[in-house]
Every structure is written in C-alpha cells, then in structure tokens.
Amino acid sequence: MFDSVRSLWDSFWAIPHIQLYLTCAWITYLVGVGAWIALQKREPVATLSWLISLAALPYIGFVIYYLFGPQKIVRHRRRRQQRRPTQLLPAALSPEQESLELHALAQATTSIPRSTAQTVQLLVDGGNKYPALLADIAAARDHVHLEYYIYTPDRSGTALRDALVERARAGVSVRLLVDAMGSKKADRRFFAPLTAAGGEIAWFHPSRPWMLWKRPWVNLRTHRKIAVIDGRIGYLGGINITDEQDNRLRQDAYRDLHLRLEGQTVSNLQDVFIEDWVYATEQHDFVCQLAQSMPAPESGPIDAQLLTSGPDSDWEAIHRMFVGAIYAASQRVWLVTPYFVPGEAAMMALTSAALSGLDVRLLVPKMSDSRLTTWCVRSYYDELLAAGIKVHEYGPRMLHTKALLIDDNLAILGSANFDHRSFRLNFEIGVLFDDTDIAARLAALIEQDLRHAPQVCADRKHPLLTASLPEALARLMSPLL
C-alpha cells in the first residue's frame, strides 16, 4: 500500500513543468478568492486575516471560508409600512424626552415604528417564565406563535409541546419555528404529536448537504426567543426551552431574564415572527386572515421600541443601539451580558463613558459555558479596569441575562449578547424602553445580582501560562465567538 502511494507521488512530481502548473493554480486561486473576499468590503483586519489563512491553506482554506466565512442574506420582505400604519405612533409620547435620537436611529435601522406597551413584566429565571407562558398558552383562543433558538426534548420541552398539542386540538392555530442547529436534539419524531394535532413546525436554516450549489448557513442562526399569543401577549428575552434554564429543576440552572408584554409592541413582535415564518416556510396564505382577525392594539403608558438585527441587514441595528445608548448616558451605564466580546466601537463607547466620570459597571459570569469564551472575555479586563469600569463576575450559576441600563430611564433587554456573533451573524430581538419604572426594576435586579458577583481587582492574579497566554490566544478568536 505504501509503495503504491509513493509510486503515485513520484509519478505526479515527474510530470513536466508540474511546479509551474501548481504555482499558476495557486496564484489563480489567491486572486479569485481574494477578489471575492475584498469585494465584501469587510473590516481590513478581518479581510487580511482571511486572505492570509487562505494563502496558507490552499483549497482547504476555500472550503473553510465557504462554510464559515461571512455571509449575507437577501430576504424577500413585505413592506413593513403596509403592516405598520402611522397610527402606531402614539401622540402620548413626550417630544421632550432625551431619547428621541435613539428612537430615530432605531426606526431608521429596523423600519419598525416607535410604539407603547400597556404592561411589562420582568420574569427572572425559567421558574417564573415557564409557568406564565404555559398559562397564557392554555388561555389562547386564536393562535400561538413561537420561535426559539434552543428547544430541548426534556421535561420543559415536553411540557410546552403537550400544551401546544392541547391548544391545536382545540382549534387554535399553532406555529412553532425552531433553529435547526440550536434545537437539533428535538427531531420531528418528538414534534409528531403536535403536527398530528394540526399544529405546524418549521426549521430555521436546516442543513442541506445535498444542495452543493448553495452555501450552507452554518453561522447564520435565529437566536430569537419569541412567543405571541392571540396577538395580545408577547414574550421575548434570553430564556430558551430547556431544563438547563429552569431553576425549579436544577440548582445550576442559568440565571436569566425574560419579558412578558401587552400592548402595541406585541403587534410589532408578531410582525417579526411572521417575517421569520414566511422566510423559513414560504407560507404566507394565513397572513391576511390573521391581520383581519386581530383587533387594533391599544396604546399604553410605557414607551417601547422593538429592535431587530440580523445578517439580512447591513446596519447592525442592535449593535448601533447599544453604542448609541452608551454615548447618550449622563449618569450610569450598567451592562449585563454572558458573552462580552466587543468590537472597537463598543469598547470605545464603554471606556469613554468611564473616563468621563460615569458609573460604568460590567456584570459577566465568573465561568461561562465555554472556557474559550471566558478567557476571551477576561482578555478585555485590563483595558476596562484602567478606564475605571467596575467589572463583576457572577457565580456560581451561569449568568445568561442580556441587559443594558442607561441612567434612570433607558433599558435595552432582549436576546442579543454583547459580542460579534449577536451583532453580525445571529437574528436577534430586543426592546428599548424609555420608562423610569422599568429602569428602576431592572436596576434592582442588577443590584441583587451584584451581591453575588465580586468585583474584579486591578491587581488580580494573572499567571502567564494559566491566564495571560490563554486569554491572549483566545482574543485572536474573538471575531468567531
């Protein structure tokens, strides 16, 4: 066997001018792939990194780039204005609020108008979210729409599936959209009782290896957690459907936060779900009938702006909102995130706020669900601490809350982490609240978590082999985390 391989190898190199042919092929490969990458007009550092990698790994590097390289999606959208009339801009909102520029930025980057909510509940941990969601589903009379990144066929997943089955049998329209990668443990057999009862299940970006002419969307996932019941009640936030996030079942369940809303904002949330459902299924026959059956939403006292972002837009709306909100701060910036891997703009905003004398605090998990990510997060500590930012590590549970509190009135809550993946690759959902009561409630929750999160000292122990070097190497992977 070895002799045959060696004979073939020798025969290959015996071909006349083979080195010239290989050199020409390599140059052609570099020029073609290099032009492809350069035409995407990404950051120079990212572009040069890919070019160097592809040059060092001829052909193999192309396969890696094809599978995992930057991608954009062209989605066939229905015009938002047709579904969001100007009456959704309530006159009750005060023009004197300092957040007018942020709302203008949000509307320009998402095409979603400013709205209001009648009620907003902050649901801490799965132990509070799951019972509320199941109760609202049990009371549904027209439809239940769900979209989740992770749906696990465990006790939590089974309880929700059975609740959906019961409603589907009662004649309620049930549509469940799950991410094909995040929910890969829940196969079609698990959801068979739901489809048998008349419910619908769809998979977001399923893998299709037989379609070689299409680039696989390995990195482009829906990270959204959405529930809309009868067009009146909406849920969004960071809690997936899994026992890992139910503190009633596990002592090490994630520490997390979710929202339950009623009011105009739910109509906008419904629009986001419908857009995702139509994109994933190409089914839109139900949309007109659904719109006709829903009563016009009533305005409420809470100023709320729904935020969306994803690889189908170049504007990185949620990223811009985070940065814009930080620059708008005049007193404090409190950021809670499980994954802190900021870009230059976000890092500049945070450090500038601290250097200006604002109360800037960062709350992250002491140990995330990825050691590589934990190292990467800690690689930013020195710069943060030098600027005067108070960094706190929460433990022993994994902190999964995603929240930004600005001064005494602004809060951004949702599914987006403070990292490249959420800002650029994932489909995310969030809400900007301009409301002192919600800001006060969020501040109380953060203060409660800070009691279990020791502050990182500037003179922390930092051994070379176990800390400094792993953090530096992990930092190089930050664009992929």
Protein backbone atom coordinates (compact mmCIF):
# COMPACT_ATOMS: atom_id res chain seq x y z
CA MET A 1 0.00 0.00 0.00
CA PHE A 2 2.76 2.40 0.98
CA ASP A 3 4.74 1.56 -2.15
CA SER A 4 1.71 2.28 -4.36
CA VAL A 5 1.15 5.66 -2.76
CA ARG A 6 4.83 6.51 -3.07
CA SER A 7 4.79 5.45 -6.71
CA LEU A 8 1.83 7.71 -7.43
CA TRP A 9 3.52 10.58 -5.58
CA ASP A 10 6.71 10.16 -7.62
CA SER A 11 4.72 9.92 -10.85
CA PHE A 12 2.88 13.12 -10.02
CA TRP A 13 6.07 15.10 -9.47
CA ALA A 14 7.57 13.59 -12.62
CA ILE A 15 5.00 15.43 -14.74
CA PRO A 16 6.82 18.07 -16.85
CA HIS A 17 6.53 21.62 -15.52
CA ILE A 18 4.30 20.43 -12.62
CA GLN A 19 5.71 23.05 -10.25
CA LEU A 20 4.91 25.80 -12.73
CA TYR A 21 1.35 24.50 -13.10
CA LEU A 22 0.87 24.35 -9.33
CA THR A 23 2.25 27.84 -8.89
CA CYS A 24 -0.09 29.23 -11.55
CA ALA A 25 -3.03 27.39 -9.98
CA TRP A 26 -2.15 28.76 -6.56
CA ILE A 27 -1.88 32.33 -7.88
CA THR A 28 -5.18 31.99 -9.75
CA TYR A 29 -6.79 30.62 -6.59
CA LEU A 30 -5.48 33.54 -4.50
CA VAL A 31 -6.56 36.17 -7.00
CA GLY A 32 -10.06 34.71 -7.39
CA VAL A 33 -10.75 34.10 -3.71
CA GLY A 34 -9.01 37.33 -2.72
CA ALA A 35 -11.23 39.34 -5.03
CA TRP A 36 -14.30 37.55 -3.66
CA ILE A 37 -13.35 38.45 -0.09
CA ALA A 38 -12.26 42.01 -0.87
CA LEU A 39 -15.50 42.79 -2.71
CA GLN A 40 -17.44 42.12 0.51
CA LYS A 41 -15.84 45.28 1.93
CA ARG A 42 -15.37 43.97 5.47
CA GLU A 43 -13.03 45.43 8.07
CA PRO A 44 -9.43 45.48 6.76
CA VAL A 45 -8.18 43.34 9.66
CA ALA A 46 -10.79 40.65 9.05
CA THR A 47 -10.20 40.71 5.30
CA LEU A 48 -6.42 40.41 5.67
CA SER A 49 -6.84 37.60 8.22
CA TRP A 50 -8.94 35.58 5.80
CA LEU A 51 -6.53 36.25 2.92
CA ILE A 52 -3.53 35.08 4.96
CA SER A 53 -5.42 31.99 6.10
CA LEU A 54 -6.49 31.07 2.58
CA ALA A 55 -2.97 31.60 1.25
CA ALA A 56 -1.54 29.30 3.93
CA LEU A 57 -4.21 26.64 3.33
CA PRO A 58 -4.73 26.41 -0.43
CA TYR A 59 -8.10 24.94 -1.43
CA ILE A 60 -8.75 23.65 2.10
CA GLY A 61 -8.99 27.27 3.19
CA PHE A 62 -11.56 27.87 0.47
CA VAL A 63 -13.76 25.10 1.88
CA ILE A 64 -13.46 26.62 5.37
CA TYR A 65 -14.36 30.06 4.06
CA TYR A 66 -17.25 28.64 2.05
CA LEU A 67 -18.68 27.01 5.16
CA PHE A 68 -17.88 29.54 7.86
CA GLY A 69 -16.96 32.78 6.12
CA PRO A 70 -19.08 35.97 6.23
CA GLN A 71 -22.45 35.66 4.53
CA LYS A 72 -25.35 37.93 3.78
CA ILE A 73 -28.95 37.00 3.21
CA VAL A 74 -31.33 38.69 0.82
CA ARG A 75 -34.74 38.22 2.34
CA HIS A 76 -37.94 38.82 0.38
CA ARG A 77 -39.63 41.20 2.79
CA ARG A 78 -43.14 42.51 2.65
CA ARG A 79 -43.21 46.25 3.05
CA ARG A 80 -43.36 46.97 6.76
CA GLN A 81 -45.32 50.16 6.23
CA GLN A 82 -48.26 48.15 4.89
CA ARG A 83 -48.50 46.31 8.18
CA ARG A 84 -47.46 49.15 10.47
CA PRO A 85 -49.66 52.20 9.86
CA THR A 86 -48.74 55.61 11.18
CA GLN A 87 -51.40 55.31 13.90
CA LEU A 88 -48.89 53.15 15.78
CA LEU A 89 -47.01 56.36 16.59
CA PRO A 90 -48.90 57.37 19.75
CA ALA A 91 -49.39 61.04 20.48
CA ALA A 92 -48.96 60.33 24.19
CA LEU A 93 -45.18 60.17 23.87
CA SER A 94 -43.43 63.28 25.10
CA PRO A 95 -41.29 65.08 22.49
CA GLU A 96 -39.12 66.40 25.31
CA GLN A 97 -37.57 63.00 26.05
CA GLU A 98 -33.83 62.85 25.53
CA SER A 99 -34.08 59.50 23.75
CA LEU A 100 -35.61 60.96 20.56
CA GLU A 101 -32.37 60.45 18.65
CA LEU A 102 -32.16 56.81 19.77
CA HIS A 103 -35.72 56.18 18.62
CA ALA A 104 -34.95 57.82 15.28
CA LEU A 105 -31.88 55.63 14.93
CA ALA A 106 -33.89 52.51 15.78
CA GLN A 107 -36.61 53.31 13.27
CA ALA A 108 -34.09 54.11 10.53
CA THR A 109 -32.15 50.86 11.00
CA THR A 110 -35.06 48.47 11.65
CA SER A 111 -38.03 50.12 9.87
CA ILE A 112 -40.05 49.36 12.99
CA PRO A 113 -42.00 52.35 14.34
CA ARG A 114 -41.99 53.59 17.89
CA SER A 115 -44.76 52.05 19.98
CA THR A 116 -46.04 51.59 23.51
CA ALA A 117 -46.80 48.77 25.91
CA GLN A 118 -49.61 48.51 28.42
CA THR A 119 -47.83 46.14 30.79
CA VAL A 120 -44.28 44.79 31.05
CA GLN A 121 -43.26 42.00 33.42
CA LEU A 122 -39.63 41.14 34.13
CA LEU A 123 -39.55 37.36 34.58
CA VAL A 124 -36.40 36.22 36.35
CA ASP A 125 -35.27 32.66 35.54
CA GLY A 126 -37.20 29.85 33.89
CA GLY A 127 -39.04 29.13 37.11
CA ASN A 128 -41.03 32.32 36.57
CA LYS A 129 -41.13 32.36 32.76
CA TYR A 130 -42.33 28.82 32.04
CA PRO A 131 -45.47 28.83 34.27
CA ALA A 132 -46.52 32.23 32.90
CA LEU A 133 -46.02 31.10 29.30
CA LEU A 134 -47.91 27.84 29.81
CA ALA A 135 -50.80 29.67 31.47
CA ASP A 136 -51.08 32.15 28.60
CA ILE A 137 -50.94 29.32 26.04
CA ALA A 138 -53.69 27.45 27.91
CA ALA A 139 -55.89 30.55 27.61
CA ALA A 140 -55.18 31.07 23.88
CA ARG A 141 -58.25 31.26 21.67
CA ASP A 142 -56.96 32.16 18.20
CA HIS A 143 -53.25 31.43 17.71
CA VAL A 144 -49.94 30.67 19.40
CA HIS A 145 -46.72 31.64 17.59
CA LEU A 146 -43.35 30.54 18.99
CA GLU A 147 -39.78 30.99 17.78
CA TYR A 148 -36.80 29.61 19.73
CA TYR A 149 -33.11 29.07 19.26
CA ILE A 150 -32.87 26.12 21.67
CA TYR A 151 -35.76 23.72 22.17
CA THR A 152 -34.72 20.58 24.07
CA PRO A 153 -36.90 17.43 24.32
CA ASP A 154 -36.62 17.27 28.11
CA ARG A 155 -39.21 17.96 30.82
CA SER A 156 -39.52 21.64 29.92
CA GLY A 157 -39.73 20.93 26.19
CA THR A 158 -42.24 18.13 26.65
CA ALA A 159 -44.47 20.25 28.89
CA LEU A 160 -44.58 23.02 26.29
CA ARG A 161 -45.14 20.59 23.42
CA ASP A 162 -48.07 18.97 25.25
CA ALA A 163 -49.57 22.40 25.97
CA LEU A 164 -49.34 23.25 22.27
CA VAL A 165 -50.89 19.90 21.32
CA GLU A 166 -53.86 20.58 23.60
CA ARG A 167 -54.45 24.00 22.03
CA ALA A 168 -54.06 22.66 18.49
CA ARG A 169 -56.69 20.01 19.20
CA ALA A 170 -58.98 22.78 20.45
CA GLY A 171 -58.73 24.52 17.07
CA VAL A 172 -56.12 27.13 17.94
CA SER A 173 -53.57 27.84 15.20
CA VAL A 174 -50.15 26.77 16.49
CA ARG A 175 -46.93 27.62 14.65
CA LEU A 176 -43.54 26.71 16.09
CA LEU A 177 -40.29 27.85 14.44
CA VAL A 178 -37.06 26.45 15.89
CA ASP A 179 -33.46 26.87 14.85
CA ALA A 180 -32.21 23.73 13.12
CA MET A 181 -28.83 23.83 14.85
CA GLY A 182 -29.77 25.08 18.29
CA SER A 183 -32.72 22.66 18.51
CA LYS A 184 -31.11 19.66 16.82
CA LYS A 185 -31.89 17.42 19.81
CA ALA A 186 -35.62 17.85 19.18
CA ASP A 187 -36.29 15.91 15.98
CA ARG A 188 -39.51 15.56 14.00
CA ARG A 189 -40.49 12.46 15.94
CA PHE A 190 -40.59 14.50 19.13
CA PHE A 191 -42.91 17.04 17.49
CA ALA A 192 -45.05 14.38 15.76
CA PRO A 193 -47.90 14.71 18.32
CA LEU A 194 -48.06 18.43 17.58
CA THR A 195 -48.27 18.03 13.82
CA ALA A 196 -50.79 15.19 14.25
CA ALA A 197 -52.97 17.59 16.27
CA GLY A 198 -52.89 20.16 13.47
CA GLY A 199 -50.01 22.32 14.65
CA GLU A 200 -47.22 23.43 12.34
CA ILE A 201 -43.48 23.07 12.93
CA ALA A 202 -40.73 24.68 10.84
CA TRP A 203 -36.93 24.62 10.99
CA PHE A 204 -34.82 27.73 10.52
CA HIS A 205 -31.85 27.19 8.18
CA PRO A 206 -31.78 23.38 8.17
CA SER A 207 -28.63 21.74 6.85
CA ARG A 208 -28.93 20.59 3.23
CA PRO A 209 -25.61 18.99 2.28
CA TRP A 210 -27.02 17.64 -0.97
CA MET A 211 -27.56 21.20 -2.26
CA LEU A 212 -23.90 21.78 -3.09
CA TRP A 213 -24.64 24.87 -5.18
CA LYS A 214 -25.87 26.77 -2.11
CA ARG A 215 -23.58 27.95 0.68
CA PRO A 216 -24.63 26.39 3.98
CA TRP A 217 -25.80 28.85 6.61
CA VAL A 218 -23.84 27.26 9.43
CA ASN A 219 -23.23 30.56 11.23
CA LEU A 220 -26.50 32.33 10.49
CA ARG A 221 -28.92 31.25 13.21
CA THR A 222 -32.09 32.66 14.71
CA HIS A 223 -31.13 33.44 18.29
CA ARG A 224 -34.55 34.93 18.96
CA LYS A 225 -36.89 33.73 21.69
CA ILE A 226 -40.37 34.89 20.71
CA ALA A 227 -43.86 33.95 21.82
CA VAL A 228 -47.04 35.69 20.66
CA ILE A 229 -50.43 34.58 21.98
CA ASP A 230 -53.58 35.83 20.22
CA GLY A 231 -51.69 38.93 19.10
CA ARG A 232 -52.20 40.39 22.60
CA ILE A 233 -49.44 38.87 24.73
CA GLY A 234 -45.80 38.70 23.77
CA TYR A 235 -42.67 37.15 25.26
CA LEU A 236 -39.03 37.80 24.43
CA GLY A 237 -35.68 37.66 26.18
CA GLY A 238 -32.89 35.20 26.86
CA ILE A 239 -34.62 32.07 28.18
CA ASN A 240 -34.83 29.11 25.79
CA ILE A 241 -36.90 25.95 26.23
CA THR A 242 -34.66 23.64 28.22
CA ASP A 243 -34.27 22.24 31.73
CA GLU A 244 -30.89 23.96 31.88
CA GLN A 245 -32.75 27.23 32.38
CA ASP A 246 -35.36 26.03 34.88
CA ASN A 247 -34.19 26.76 38.41
CA ARG A 248 -37.03 24.60 39.77
CA LEU A 249 -35.40 21.52 38.28
CA ARG A 250 -31.69 22.29 38.55
CA GLN A 251 -29.67 24.16 41.13
CA ASP A 252 -27.15 25.10 38.43
CA ALA A 253 -29.80 26.46 36.05
CA TYR A 254 -28.82 29.60 34.16
CA ARG A 255 -29.54 32.95 35.76
CA ASP A 256 -31.62 34.72 33.13
CA LEU A 257 -34.26 37.32 32.35
CA HIS A 258 -37.33 37.32 30.11
CA LEU A 259 -40.11 39.78 29.28
CA ARG A 260 -43.87 39.45 29.12
CA LEU A 261 -45.56 42.34 27.30
CA GLU A 262 -49.02 43.54 26.35
CA GLY A 263 -49.83 46.43 24.05
CA GLN A 264 -48.80 47.85 20.69
CA THR A 265 -45.32 46.39 20.85
CA VAL A 266 -46.81 42.90 20.63
CA SER A 267 -48.11 43.74 17.14
CA ASN A 268 -44.57 44.58 16.07
CA LEU A 269 -43.32 41.38 17.68
CA GLN A 270 -45.97 39.48 15.73
CA ASP A 271 -44.69 41.06 12.51
CA VAL A 272 -41.15 39.86 13.25
CA PHE A 273 -42.36 36.31 13.83
CA ILE A 274 -44.45 36.33 10.64
CA GLU A 275 -41.49 37.59 8.64
CA ASP A 276 -39.30 34.79 10.00
CA TRP A 277 -42.00 32.18 9.46
CA VAL A 278 -42.64 33.23 5.86
CA TYR A 279 -38.89 33.29 5.21
CA ALA A 280 -38.41 29.78 6.61
CA THR A 281 -41.52 28.17 5.10
CA GLU A 282 -42.54 30.37 2.14
CA GLN A 283 -46.07 30.06 3.51
CA HIS A 284 -47.95 33.34 3.70
CA ASP A 285 -51.58 32.44 2.95
CA PHE A 286 -52.54 32.90 6.60
CA VAL A 287 -51.18 36.45 6.93
CA CYS A 288 -54.18 38.39 5.59
CA GLN A 289 -56.68 36.32 7.56
CA LEU A 290 -54.61 36.77 10.70
CA ALA A 291 -54.44 40.54 10.23
CA GLN A 292 -58.20 40.78 9.76
CA SER A 293 -58.97 38.78 12.89
CA MET A 294 -56.79 40.86 15.20
CA PRO A 295 -58.23 43.96 16.91
CA ALA A 296 -56.29 47.21 16.70
CA PRO A 297 -53.81 47.36 19.59
CA GLU A 298 -54.40 49.99 22.26
CA SER A 299 -51.67 52.39 23.29
CA GLY A 300 -50.19 52.18 26.76
CA PRO A 301 -48.13 54.29 29.15
CA ILE A 302 -44.80 52.54 28.54
CA ASP A 303 -42.56 53.85 25.75
CA ALA A 304 -41.17 50.79 23.93
CA GLN A 305 -39.19 50.43 20.71
CA LEU A 306 -38.80 46.94 19.28
CA LEU A 307 -35.30 46.21 17.94
CA THR A 308 -34.25 43.60 15.42
CA SER A 309 -30.97 42.77 13.74
CA GLY A 310 -29.52 40.02 11.62
CA PRO A 311 -27.34 39.18 8.62
CA ASP A 312 -30.12 40.30 6.29
CA SER A 313 -29.27 43.91 7.14
CA ASP A 314 -26.02 45.86 6.86
CA TRP A 315 -26.93 48.25 9.67
CA GLU A 316 -26.25 46.08 12.75
CA ALA A 317 -29.19 47.81 14.41
CA ILE A 318 -28.86 46.36 17.91
CA HIS A 319 -25.11 46.97 17.90
CA ARG A 320 -25.72 50.60 16.96
CA MET A 321 -28.39 50.94 19.63
CA PHE A 322 -26.05 49.65 22.33
CA VAL A 323 -23.32 52.06 21.28
CA GLY A 324 -25.72 54.97 20.80
CA ALA A 325 -27.34 54.41 24.19
CA ILE A 326 -23.95 54.32 25.93
CA TYR A 327 -22.93 57.61 24.31
CA ALA A 328 -26.28 59.11 25.38
CA ALA A 329 -25.63 58.31 29.06
CA SER A 330 -25.07 61.12 31.52
CA GLN A 331 -25.01 59.24 34.84
CA ARG A 332 -24.53 55.49 34.58
CA VAL A 333 -24.04 52.58 32.22
CA TRP A 334 -24.74 49.11 33.65
CA LEU A 335 -24.19 46.25 31.22
CA VAL A 336 -25.09 42.62 31.92
CA THR A 337 -24.08 40.00 29.35
CA PRO A 338 -23.00 36.35 29.35
CA TYR A 339 -20.57 36.91 26.47
CA PHE A 340 -18.57 40.13 26.35
CA VAL A 341 -16.59 40.26 23.10
CA PRO A 342 -16.92 43.88 21.93
CA GLY A 343 -15.75 45.47 18.72
CA GLU A 344 -13.77 48.71 18.62
CA ALA A 345 -16.88 50.94 18.56
CA ALA A 346 -18.48 49.32 21.60
CA MET A 347 -15.21 49.22 23.53
CA MET A 348 -14.58 52.89 22.75
CA ALA A 349 -18.08 53.83 23.94
CA LEU A 350 -17.73 51.99 27.27
CA THR A 351 -14.27 53.25 28.10
CA SER A 352 -15.17 56.81 27.05
CA ALA A 353 -18.17 56.74 29.39
CA ALA A 354 -15.99 55.61 32.29
CA LEU A 355 -13.24 58.11 31.53
CA SER A 356 -15.90 60.84 31.53
CA GLY A 357 -16.71 60.00 35.14
CA LEU A 358 -19.89 57.97 34.62
CA ASP A 359 -20.76 54.97 36.78
CA VAL A 360 -19.92 52.14 34.36
CA ARG A 361 -20.35 48.56 35.51
CA LEU A 362 -19.98 45.29 33.65
CA LEU A 363 -21.56 42.10 35.02
CA VAL A 364 -20.42 38.84 33.39
CA PRO A 365 -20.38 35.19 34.52
CA LYS A 366 -17.42 34.00 36.55
CA MET A 367 -17.30 30.97 34.27
CA SER A 368 -19.39 30.78 31.10
CA ASP A 369 -20.42 27.60 29.32
CA SER A 370 -17.27 27.92 27.18
CA ARG A 371 -13.79 28.17 28.68
CA LEU A 372 -12.54 29.73 25.44
CA THR A 373 -15.15 32.48 25.73
CA THR A 374 -14.31 33.04 29.40
CA TRP A 375 -10.65 33.55 28.50
CA CYS A 376 -11.60 35.91 25.70
CA VAL A 377 -13.85 37.98 27.97
CA ARG A 378 -11.10 38.29 30.57
CA SER A 379 -8.64 39.48 27.93
CA TYR A 380 -10.52 42.82 27.96
CA TYR A 381 -10.33 43.33 31.72
CA ASP A 382 -7.07 45.27 31.84
CA GLU A 383 -8.31 47.97 29.47
CA LEU A 384 -11.72 48.13 31.16
CA LEU A 385 -10.25 48.41 34.65
CA ALA A 386 -7.71 51.03 33.54
CA ALA A 387 -10.57 53.20 32.26
CA GLY A 388 -12.35 52.96 35.60
CA ILE A 389 -15.03 50.40 34.71
CA LYS A 390 -16.18 48.21 37.60
CA VAL A 391 -16.12 44.59 36.41
CA HIS A 392 -18.08 41.98 38.37
CA GLU A 393 -18.10 38.19 37.90
CA TYR A 394 -21.34 36.43 38.84
CA GLY A 395 -21.33 32.93 40.26
CA PRO A 396 -21.74 30.10 40.90
CA ARG A 397 -24.56 29.80 38.34
CA MET A 398 -24.05 30.70 34.70
CA LEU A 399 -25.26 34.26 34.11
CA HIS A 400 -27.29 34.43 30.88
CA THR A 401 -29.07 37.80 31.28
CA LYS A 402 -28.71 40.35 28.47
CA ALA A 403 -29.46 43.89 29.65
CA LEU A 404 -28.21 47.45 29.33
CA LEU A 405 -29.32 50.12 31.82
CA ILE A 406 -28.68 53.79 31.00
CA ASP A 407 -29.23 56.48 33.63
CA ASP A 408 -32.66 56.28 35.31
CA ASN A 409 -34.89 55.83 32.29
CA LEU A 410 -33.39 53.78 29.43
CA ALA A 411 -33.16 50.00 29.28
CA ILE A 412 -32.40 47.57 26.45
CA LEU A 413 -33.46 43.96 27.04
CA GLY A 414 -33.64 41.00 24.71
CA SER A 415 -31.75 38.07 23.20
CA ALA A 416 -28.56 39.77 21.99
CA ASN A 417 -25.23 39.16 23.68
CA PHE A 418 -22.55 41.84 23.64
CA ASP A 419 -20.42 40.08 21.03
CA HIS A 420 -19.68 39.84 17.32
CA ARG A 421 -21.94 36.85 16.77
CA SER A 422 -25.03 38.58 18.12
CA PHE A 423 -24.21 41.89 16.47
CA ARG A 424 -23.47 40.48 13.00
CA LEU A 425 -24.37 36.84 12.49
CA ASN A 426 -27.44 35.95 14.54
CA PHE A 427 -31.01 37.07 14.09
CA GLU A 428 -31.74 38.89 17.36
CA ILE A 429 -34.66 40.65 19.04
CA GLY A 430 -34.79 43.26 21.78
CA VAL A 431 -36.72 46.20 23.20
CA LEU A 432 -35.61 49.72 24.07
CA PHE A 433 -37.67 51.04 26.99
CA ASP A 434 -37.78 54.72 27.90
CA ASP A 435 -39.51 54.33 31.24
CA THR A 436 -38.33 55.16 34.75
CA ASP A 437 -40.31 52.35 36.40
CA ILE A 438 -38.82 49.63 34.18
CA ALA A 439 -35.37 51.15 34.62
CA ALA A 440 -35.83 51.10 38.40
CA ARG A 441 -36.97 47.47 38.35
CA LEU A 442 -34.02 46.47 36.18
CA ALA A 443 -31.63 48.38 38.45
CA ALA A 444 -32.98 46.48 41.46
CA LEU A 445 -32.43 43.14 39.71
CA ILE A 446 -28.88 44.06 38.70
CA GLU A 447 -28.09 45.23 42.23
CA GLN A 448 -29.39 41.92 43.54
CA ASP A 449 -27.08 40.01 41.19
CA LEU A 450 -24.15 42.26 42.05
CA ARG A 451 -24.37 41.00 45.64
CA HIS A 452 -23.33 37.59 44.28
CA ALA A 453 -20.70 38.99 41.93
CA PRO A 454 -17.35 40.02 43.48
CA GLN A 455 -15.61 42.93 41.82
CA VAL A 456 -12.51 42.13 39.78
CA CYS A 457 -9.44 43.82 41.23
CA ALA A 458 -6.93 45.63 39.07
CA ASP A 459 -4.11 43.68 40.73
CA ARG A 460 -5.76 40.31 40.12
CA LYS A 461 -3.53 37.27 39.86
CA HIS A 462 -2.55 36.81 36.25
CA PRO A 463 -0.12 33.87 35.79
CA LEU A 464 1.43 33.70 32.35
CA LEU A 465 0.64 30.08 31.47
CA THR A 466 -2.79 29.76 33.07
CA ALA A 467 -4.19 33.23 32.41
CA SER A 468 -2.23 35.75 30.31
CA LEU A 469 -1.32 33.41 27.44
CA PRO A 470 -4.71 31.62 27.15
CA GLU A 471 -6.50 34.98 27.24
CA ALA A 472 -4.25 36.45 24.55
CA LEU A 473 -4.74 33.44 22.29
CA ALA A 474 -8.50 33.39 22.88
CA ARG A 475 -8.62 37.09 21.96
CA LEU A 476 -7.41 36.18 18.48
CA MET A 477 -10.58 34.09 18.08
CA SER A 478 -12.88 36.92 19.15
CA PRO A 479 -14.39 37.54 15.67
CA LEU A 480 -15.60 33.93 15.61
CA LEU A 481 -17.05 33.81 19.14
